[in-house]
Amino acid sequence: MEDNSTSAVISLLDEQKMYVVKQGKLIEHELPDFGEVRVVVMGGKVDRLEDTRKRKI
């Protein structure tokens, strides 16, 4: 869905997602049940997300 809008609507009730804004686009990232999500920043901007998933047994 291409849209030149500068606003977005997201649910504040969904705690399983995080959002990153990059180059005017909203990027949705699903959070793992267990693990870490590392945000790597270069030049003051988000470059990438690195996640480590773990299983609880």
C-alpha atoms as a PDB file:
ATOM      1  CA  MET A   1       0.000   0.000   0.000  1.00  0.00           C
ATOM      2  CA  GLU A   2       1.778   3.129  -1.239  1.00  0.00           C
ATOM      3  CA  ASP A   3       0.745   6.275   0.592  1.00  0.00           C
ATOM      4  CA  ASN A   4       2.497   9.609   0.834  1.00  0.00           C
ATOM      5  CA  SER A   5       0.833  10.312   4.189  1.00  0.00           C
ATOM      6  CA  THR A   6       2.951  11.492   7.095  1.00  0.00           C
ATOM      7  CA  SER A   7       0.776   9.884   9.763  1.00  0.00           C
ATOM      8  CA  ALA A   8      -0.120   6.342  10.793  1.00  0.00           C
ATOM      9  CA  VAL A   9      -2.519   4.645  13.184  1.00  0.00           C
ATOM     10  CA  ILE A  10      -1.193   1.852  15.407  1.00  0.00           C
ATOM     11  CA  SER A  11      -2.714  -0.093  18.282  1.00  0.00           C
ATOM     12  CA  LEU A  12      -1.275   0.771  21.672  1.00  0.00           C
ATOM     13  CA  LEU A  13      -2.782  -2.427  23.080  1.00  0.00           C
ATOM     14  CA  ASP A  14      -0.603  -4.848  21.070  1.00  0.00           C
ATOM     15  CA  GLU A  15       2.488  -5.360  23.218  1.00  0.00           C
ATOM     16  CA  GLN A  16       3.898  -8.041  20.870  1.00  0.00           C
ATOM     17  CA  LYS A  17       5.036  -5.468  18.293  1.00  0.00           C
ATOM     18  CA  MET A  18       7.464  -2.609  18.080  1.00  0.00           C
ATOM     19  CA  TYR A  19       7.632   0.010  15.379  1.00  0.00           C
ATOM     20  CA  VAL A  20      10.510   1.853  13.743  1.00  0.00           C
ATOM     21  CA  VAL A  21      10.174   4.875  11.495  1.00  0.00           C
ATOM     22  CA  LYS A  22      12.779   4.891   8.722  1.00  0.00           C
ATOM     23  CA  GLN A  23      12.819   7.134   5.660  1.00  0.00           C
ATOM     24  CA  GLY A  24       9.199   8.122   6.201  1.00  0.00           C
ATOM     25  CA  LYS A  25       7.961   4.524   6.434  1.00  0.00           C
ATOM     26  CA  LEU A  26       6.595   2.724   9.477  1.00  0.00           C
ATOM     27  CA  ILE A  27       8.273  -0.675   9.896  1.00  0.00           C
ATOM     28  CA  GLU A  28       6.473  -3.194  12.128  1.00  0.00           C
ATOM     29  CA  HIS A  29       8.564  -5.784  13.987  1.00  0.00           C
ATOM     30  CA  GLU A  30       7.012  -8.769  15.756  1.00  0.00           C
ATOM     31  CA  LEU A  31       8.585  -9.308  19.181  1.00  0.00           C
ATOM     32  CA  PRO A  32       9.697 -12.807  20.214  1.00  0.00           C
ATOM     33  CA  ASP A  33       7.981 -14.557  23.137  1.00  0.00           C
ATOM     34  CA  PHE A  34      11.371 -14.816  24.859  1.00  0.00           C
ATOM     35  CA  GLY A  35      14.609 -13.175  23.782  1.00  0.00           C
ATOM     36  CA  GLU A  36      16.109  -9.814  22.926  1.00  0.00           C
ATOM     37  CA  VAL A  37      15.710  -7.236  20.201  1.00  0.00           C
ATOM     38  CA  ARG A  38      18.724  -5.002  19.680  1.00  0.00           C
ATOM     39  CA  VAL A  39      18.351  -1.737  17.766  1.00  0.00           C
ATOM     40  CA  VAL A  40      21.564  -0.860  15.903  1.00  0.00           C
ATOM     41  CA  VAL A  41      21.959   2.843  15.182  1.00  0.00           C
ATOM     42  CA  MET A  42      24.390   4.395  12.690  1.00  0.00           C
ATOM     43  CA  GLY A  43      24.614   8.146  12.197  1.00  0.00           C
ATOM     44  CA  GLY A  44      21.755   8.719  14.621  1.00  0.00           C
ATOM     45  CA  LYS A  45      19.348   6.598  12.559  1.00  0.00           C
ATOM     46  CA  VAL A  46      18.146   3.015  12.925  1.00  0.00           C
ATOM     47  CA  ASP A  47      20.288   0.790  10.699  1.00  0.00           C
ATOM     48  CA  ARG A  48      18.935  -2.638  11.621  1.00  0.00           C
ATOM     49  CA  LEU A  49      17.191  -4.771  14.231  1.00  0.00           C
ATOM     50  CA  GLU A  50      18.901  -7.874  15.564  1.00  0.00           C
ATOM     51  CA  ASP A  51      16.885 -10.380  17.538  1.00  0.00           C
ATOM     52  CA  THR A  52      17.845 -13.384  19.610  1.00  0.00           C
ATOM     53  CA  ARG A  53      15.075 -15.853  20.201  1.00  0.00           C
ATOM     54  CA  LYS A  54      15.067 -18.130  23.208  1.00  0.00           C
ATOM     55  CA  ARG A  55      12.795 -20.984  24.203  1.00  0.00           C
ATOM     56  CA  LYS A  56      11.560 -21.389  27.747  1.00  0.00           C
ATOM     57  CA  ILE A  57      11.211 -25.050  28.712  1.00  0.00           C
END
